[in-house]
């Protein structure tokens, strides 16, 4: 929370990096960009008023969905 206050006082447009995905989004954070760690890198999340009350981790997915295998690829496999 002290980093949020420092950035607001300075008026700088910097990304605050955090590993705390369970942190609650407070009204003081609205308008800031927070880099939430997803296990591999920091995903930039711009905080809006609709996000207040949610957790930071909800907006930084940890898994990438690559889709199901297509039917043509499924039939071309050798069994």
N, C-alpha and C. Protein backbone atom coordinates (compact mmCIF):
# COMPACT_ATOMS: atom_id res chain seq x y z
N UNK A 1 0.82 -1.19 0.00
CA UNK A 1 0.00 0.00 0.00
C UNK A 1 0.87 1.26 0.00
N UNK A 2 2.05 1.16 0.60
CA UNK A 2 2.91 2.34 0.64
C UNK A 2 3.43 2.69 -0.76
N UNK A 3 3.61 1.68 -1.62
CA UNK A 3 4.04 1.96 -2.99
C UNK A 3 2.94 2.69 -3.76
N UNK A 4 1.70 2.32 -3.52
CA UNK A 4 0.57 2.99 -4.17
C UNK A 4 0.53 4.46 -3.77
N UNK A 5 0.72 4.73 -2.49
CA UNK A 5 0.71 6.11 -2.01
C UNK A 5 1.87 6.91 -2.59
N UNK A 6 3.05 6.28 -2.71
CA UNK A 6 4.21 6.98 -3.27
C UNK A 6 3.97 7.35 -4.73
N UNK A 7 3.41 6.43 -5.50
CA UNK A 7 3.16 6.69 -6.92
C UNK A 7 2.10 7.77 -7.08
N UNK A 8 1.08 7.75 -6.23
CA UNK A 8 0.03 8.77 -6.32
C UNK A 8 0.57 10.15 -5.96
N UNK A 9 1.44 10.22 -4.96
CA UNK A 9 2.03 11.51 -4.56
C UNK A 9 2.93 12.06 -5.66
N UNK A 10 3.75 11.18 -6.26
CA UNK A 10 4.70 11.64 -7.27
C UNK A 10 4.01 11.94 -8.60
N UNK A 11 2.88 11.28 -8.86
CA UNK A 11 2.19 11.50 -10.12
C UNK A 11 2.84 10.80 -11.30
N UNK A 12 3.80 9.93 -11.03
CA UNK A 12 4.50 9.22 -12.09
C UNK A 12 3.60 8.13 -12.67
N UNK A 13 3.81 7.82 -13.93
CA UNK A 13 3.03 6.79 -14.61
C UNK A 13 3.86 5.51 -14.67
N UNK A 14 4.16 4.94 -13.51
CA UNK A 14 4.99 3.74 -13.45
C UNK A 14 4.13 2.53 -13.12
N UNK A 15 4.65 1.36 -13.46
CA UNK A 15 3.97 0.10 -13.16
C UNK A 15 4.50 -0.41 -11.82
N UNK A 16 3.59 -0.69 -10.91
CA UNK A 16 3.95 -1.23 -9.60
C UNK A 16 3.94 -2.75 -9.72
N UNK A 17 5.10 -3.39 -9.56
CA UNK A 17 5.17 -4.84 -9.66
C UNK A 17 4.83 -5.48 -8.32
N UNK A 18 4.04 -6.55 -8.36
CA UNK A 18 3.67 -7.24 -7.14
C UNK A 18 3.55 -8.74 -7.39
N UNK A 19 3.86 -9.50 -6.36
CA UNK A 19 3.69 -10.95 -6.38
C UNK A 19 2.48 -11.34 -5.54
N UNK A 20 1.84 -10.38 -4.88
CA UNK A 20 0.72 -10.65 -3.98
C UNK A 20 -0.58 -10.68 -4.77
N UNK A 21 -0.92 -11.85 -5.32
CA UNK A 21 -2.12 -12.00 -6.12
C UNK A 21 -3.39 -11.97 -5.27
N UNK A 22 -3.27 -12.23 -3.98
CA UNK A 22 -4.43 -12.28 -3.09
C UNK A 22 -4.79 -10.91 -2.53
N UNK A 23 -4.06 -9.87 -2.91
CA UNK A 23 -4.34 -8.53 -2.39
C UNK A 23 -5.66 -8.00 -2.93
N UNK A 24 -6.42 -7.37 -2.05
CA UNK A 24 -7.70 -6.78 -2.41
C UNK A 24 -7.47 -5.44 -3.11
N UNK A 25 -8.22 -5.17 -4.16
CA UNK A 25 -8.12 -3.90 -4.87
C UNK A 25 -8.92 -2.86 -4.09
N UNK A 26 -8.25 -1.81 -3.67
CA UNK A 26 -8.85 -0.75 -2.87
C UNK A 26 -9.19 0.45 -3.77
N UNK A 27 -10.07 1.33 -3.31
CA UNK A 27 -10.42 2.52 -4.11
C UNK A 27 -9.23 3.44 -4.37
N UNK A 28 -8.20 3.39 -3.52
CA UNK A 28 -7.01 4.22 -3.74
C UNK A 28 -6.23 3.80 -4.98
N UNK A 29 -6.41 2.57 -5.44
CA UNK A 29 -5.63 2.04 -6.56
C UNK A 29 -6.23 2.38 -7.92
N UNK A 30 -7.41 2.96 -7.96
CA UNK A 30 -8.09 3.24 -9.24
C UNK A 30 -7.24 4.20 -10.07
N UNK A 31 -7.01 3.85 -11.32
CA UNK A 31 -6.23 4.67 -12.23
C UNK A 31 -4.77 4.28 -12.31
N UNK A 32 -4.33 3.34 -11.48
CA UNK A 32 -2.94 2.90 -11.50
C UNK A 32 -2.79 1.64 -12.34
N UNK A 33 -1.57 1.39 -12.79
CA UNK A 33 -1.25 0.15 -13.49
C UNK A 33 -0.38 -0.68 -12.57
N UNK A 34 -0.83 -1.91 -12.30
CA UNK A 34 -0.13 -2.80 -11.39
C UNK A 34 0.28 -4.05 -12.16
N UNK A 35 1.55 -4.41 -12.07
CA UNK A 35 2.06 -5.62 -12.71
C UNK A 35 1.88 -6.80 -11.78
N UNK A 36 0.92 -7.67 -12.09
CA UNK A 36 0.60 -8.81 -11.23
C UNK A 36 1.34 -10.03 -11.77
N UNK A 37 2.06 -10.72 -10.92
CA UNK A 37 2.86 -11.88 -11.33
C UNK A 37 1.95 -13.06 -11.61
N UNK A 38 2.18 -13.72 -12.75
CA UNK A 38 1.36 -14.88 -13.11
C UNK A 38 2.14 -16.19 -13.00
N UNK A 39 3.29 -16.15 -12.36
CA UNK A 39 4.12 -17.33 -12.22
C UNK A 39 5.31 -17.30 -13.15
N UNK A 40 5.24 -16.50 -14.20
CA UNK A 40 6.31 -16.42 -15.18
C UNK A 40 6.75 -14.98 -15.42
N UNK A 41 5.79 -14.08 -15.46
CA UNK A 41 6.10 -12.67 -15.74
C UNK A 41 5.06 -11.80 -15.05
N UNK A 42 5.24 -10.49 -15.13
CA UNK A 42 4.29 -9.55 -14.54
C UNK A 42 3.34 -9.05 -15.63
N UNK A 43 2.06 -9.30 -15.43
CA UNK A 43 1.03 -8.89 -16.40
C UNK A 43 0.51 -7.52 -15.98
N UNK A 44 0.62 -6.49 -16.84
CA UNK A 44 0.12 -5.17 -16.46
C UNK A 44 -1.41 -5.15 -16.42
N UNK A 45 -1.95 -4.67 -15.30
CA UNK A 45 -3.39 -4.59 -15.09
C UNK A 45 -3.72 -3.14 -14.75
N UNK A 46 -4.54 -2.49 -15.60
CA UNK A 46 -4.99 -1.13 -15.32
C UNK A 46 -6.22 -1.22 -14.44
N UNK A 47 -6.19 -0.59 -13.28
CA UNK A 47 -7.26 -0.69 -12.28
C UNK A 47 -8.36 0.31 -12.60
N UNK A 48 -9.60 -0.19 -12.69
CA UNK A 48 -10.78 0.66 -12.91
C UNK A 48 -11.70 0.56 -11.70
N UNK A 49 -12.74 1.37 -11.70
CA UNK A 49 -13.67 1.39 -10.56
C UNK A 49 -14.43 0.08 -10.42
N UNK A 50 -14.67 -0.62 -11.52
CA UNK A 50 -15.40 -1.89 -11.46
C UNK A 50 -14.61 -3.00 -10.78
N UNK A 51 -13.31 -2.84 -10.68
CA UNK A 51 -12.45 -3.88 -10.09
C UNK A 51 -12.34 -3.78 -8.58
N UNK A 52 -12.82 -2.70 -7.98
CA UNK A 52 -12.69 -2.50 -6.54
C UNK A 52 -13.44 -3.61 -5.81
N UNK A 53 -12.76 -4.21 -4.84
CA UNK A 53 -13.34 -5.31 -4.07
C UNK A 53 -12.91 -6.67 -4.55
N UNK A 54 -12.35 -6.74 -5.76
CA UNK A 54 -11.86 -8.01 -6.28
C UNK A 54 -10.40 -8.20 -5.88
N UNK A 55 -9.85 -9.35 -6.21
CA UNK A 55 -8.44 -9.64 -5.93
C UNK A 55 -7.61 -9.40 -7.19
N UNK A 56 -6.34 -9.06 -6.99
CA UNK A 56 -5.46 -8.78 -8.13
C UNK A 56 -5.29 -10.01 -9.03
N UNK A 57 -5.23 -11.18 -8.43
CA UNK A 57 -5.00 -12.40 -9.20
C UNK A 57 -6.12 -12.75 -10.16
N UNK A 58 -7.31 -12.20 -9.95
CA UNK A 58 -8.43 -12.49 -10.84
C UNK A 58 -8.21 -11.92 -12.24
N UNK A 59 -7.36 -10.93 -12.37
CA UNK A 59 -7.15 -10.25 -13.64
C UNK A 59 -5.83 -10.62 -14.29
N UNK A 60 -5.15 -11.63 -13.76
CA UNK A 60 -3.88 -12.10 -14.31
C UNK A 60 -3.92 -13.62 -14.39
N UNK A 61 -4.40 -14.18 -15.51
CA UNK A 61 -4.52 -15.65 -15.60
C UNK A 61 -3.16 -16.33 -15.55
N UNK A 62 -3.11 -17.48 -14.90
CA UNK A 62 -1.85 -18.21 -14.74
C UNK A 62 -1.65 -19.26 -15.81
N UNK A 63 -2.70 -19.67 -16.47
CA UNK A 63 -2.60 -20.72 -17.49
C UNK A 63 -3.01 -20.16 -18.85
N UNK A 64 -2.34 -20.64 -19.89
CA UNK A 64 -2.68 -20.22 -21.25
C UNK A 64 -3.44 -21.36 -21.92
N UNK A 65 -4.61 -21.06 -22.46
CA UNK A 65 -5.44 -22.05 -23.14
C UNK A 65 -5.10 -22.02 -24.61
N UNK A 66 -4.62 -23.13 -25.13
CA UNK A 66 -4.21 -23.19 -26.53
C UNK A 66 -5.28 -23.81 -27.41
N UNK A 67 -6.39 -24.21 -26.85
CA UNK A 67 -7.49 -24.76 -27.64
C UNK A 67 -7.41 -26.27 -27.74
N UNK A 68 -8.51 -26.86 -28.10
CA UNK A 68 -8.55 -28.30 -28.29
C UNK A 68 -7.96 -28.66 -29.65
N UNK A 69 -7.57 -29.90 -29.78
CA UNK A 69 -6.99 -30.37 -31.03
C UNK A 69 -8.09 -30.42 -32.09
N UNK A 70 -7.77 -30.02 -33.31
CA UNK A 70 -8.79 -30.00 -34.36
C UNK A 70 -9.07 -31.42 -34.85
N UNK A 71 -10.20 -31.61 -35.48
CA UNK A 71 -10.61 -32.94 -35.92
C UNK A 71 -9.65 -33.49 -36.97
N UNK A 72 -9.12 -32.66 -37.87
CA UNK A 72 -8.21 -33.14 -38.91
C UNK A 72 -6.90 -33.64 -38.30
N UNK A 73 -6.42 -32.97 -37.28
CA UNK A 73 -5.19 -33.43 -36.62
C UNK A 73 -5.44 -34.72 -35.86
N UNK A 74 -6.64 -34.89 -35.34
CA UNK A 74 -6.97 -36.07 -34.56
C UNK A 74 -6.98 -37.32 -35.46
N UNK A 75 -7.47 -37.20 -36.69
CA UNK A 75 -7.56 -38.35 -37.58
C UNK A 75 -6.23 -38.64 -38.27
N UNK A 76 -5.33 -37.69 -38.35
CA UNK A 76 -4.07 -37.91 -39.05
C UNK A 76 -3.01 -38.57 -38.17
N UNK A 77 -3.28 -38.74 -36.89
CA UNK A 77 -2.31 -39.39 -36.01
C UNK A 77 -2.21 -40.88 -36.31
N UNK A 78 -1.03 -41.41 -36.17
CA UNK A 78 -0.81 -42.85 -36.35
C UNK A 78 -1.05 -43.53 -35.03
N UNK A 79 -1.88 -44.56 -35.06
CA UNK A 79 -2.17 -45.27 -33.81
C UNK A 79 -1.46 -46.59 -33.75
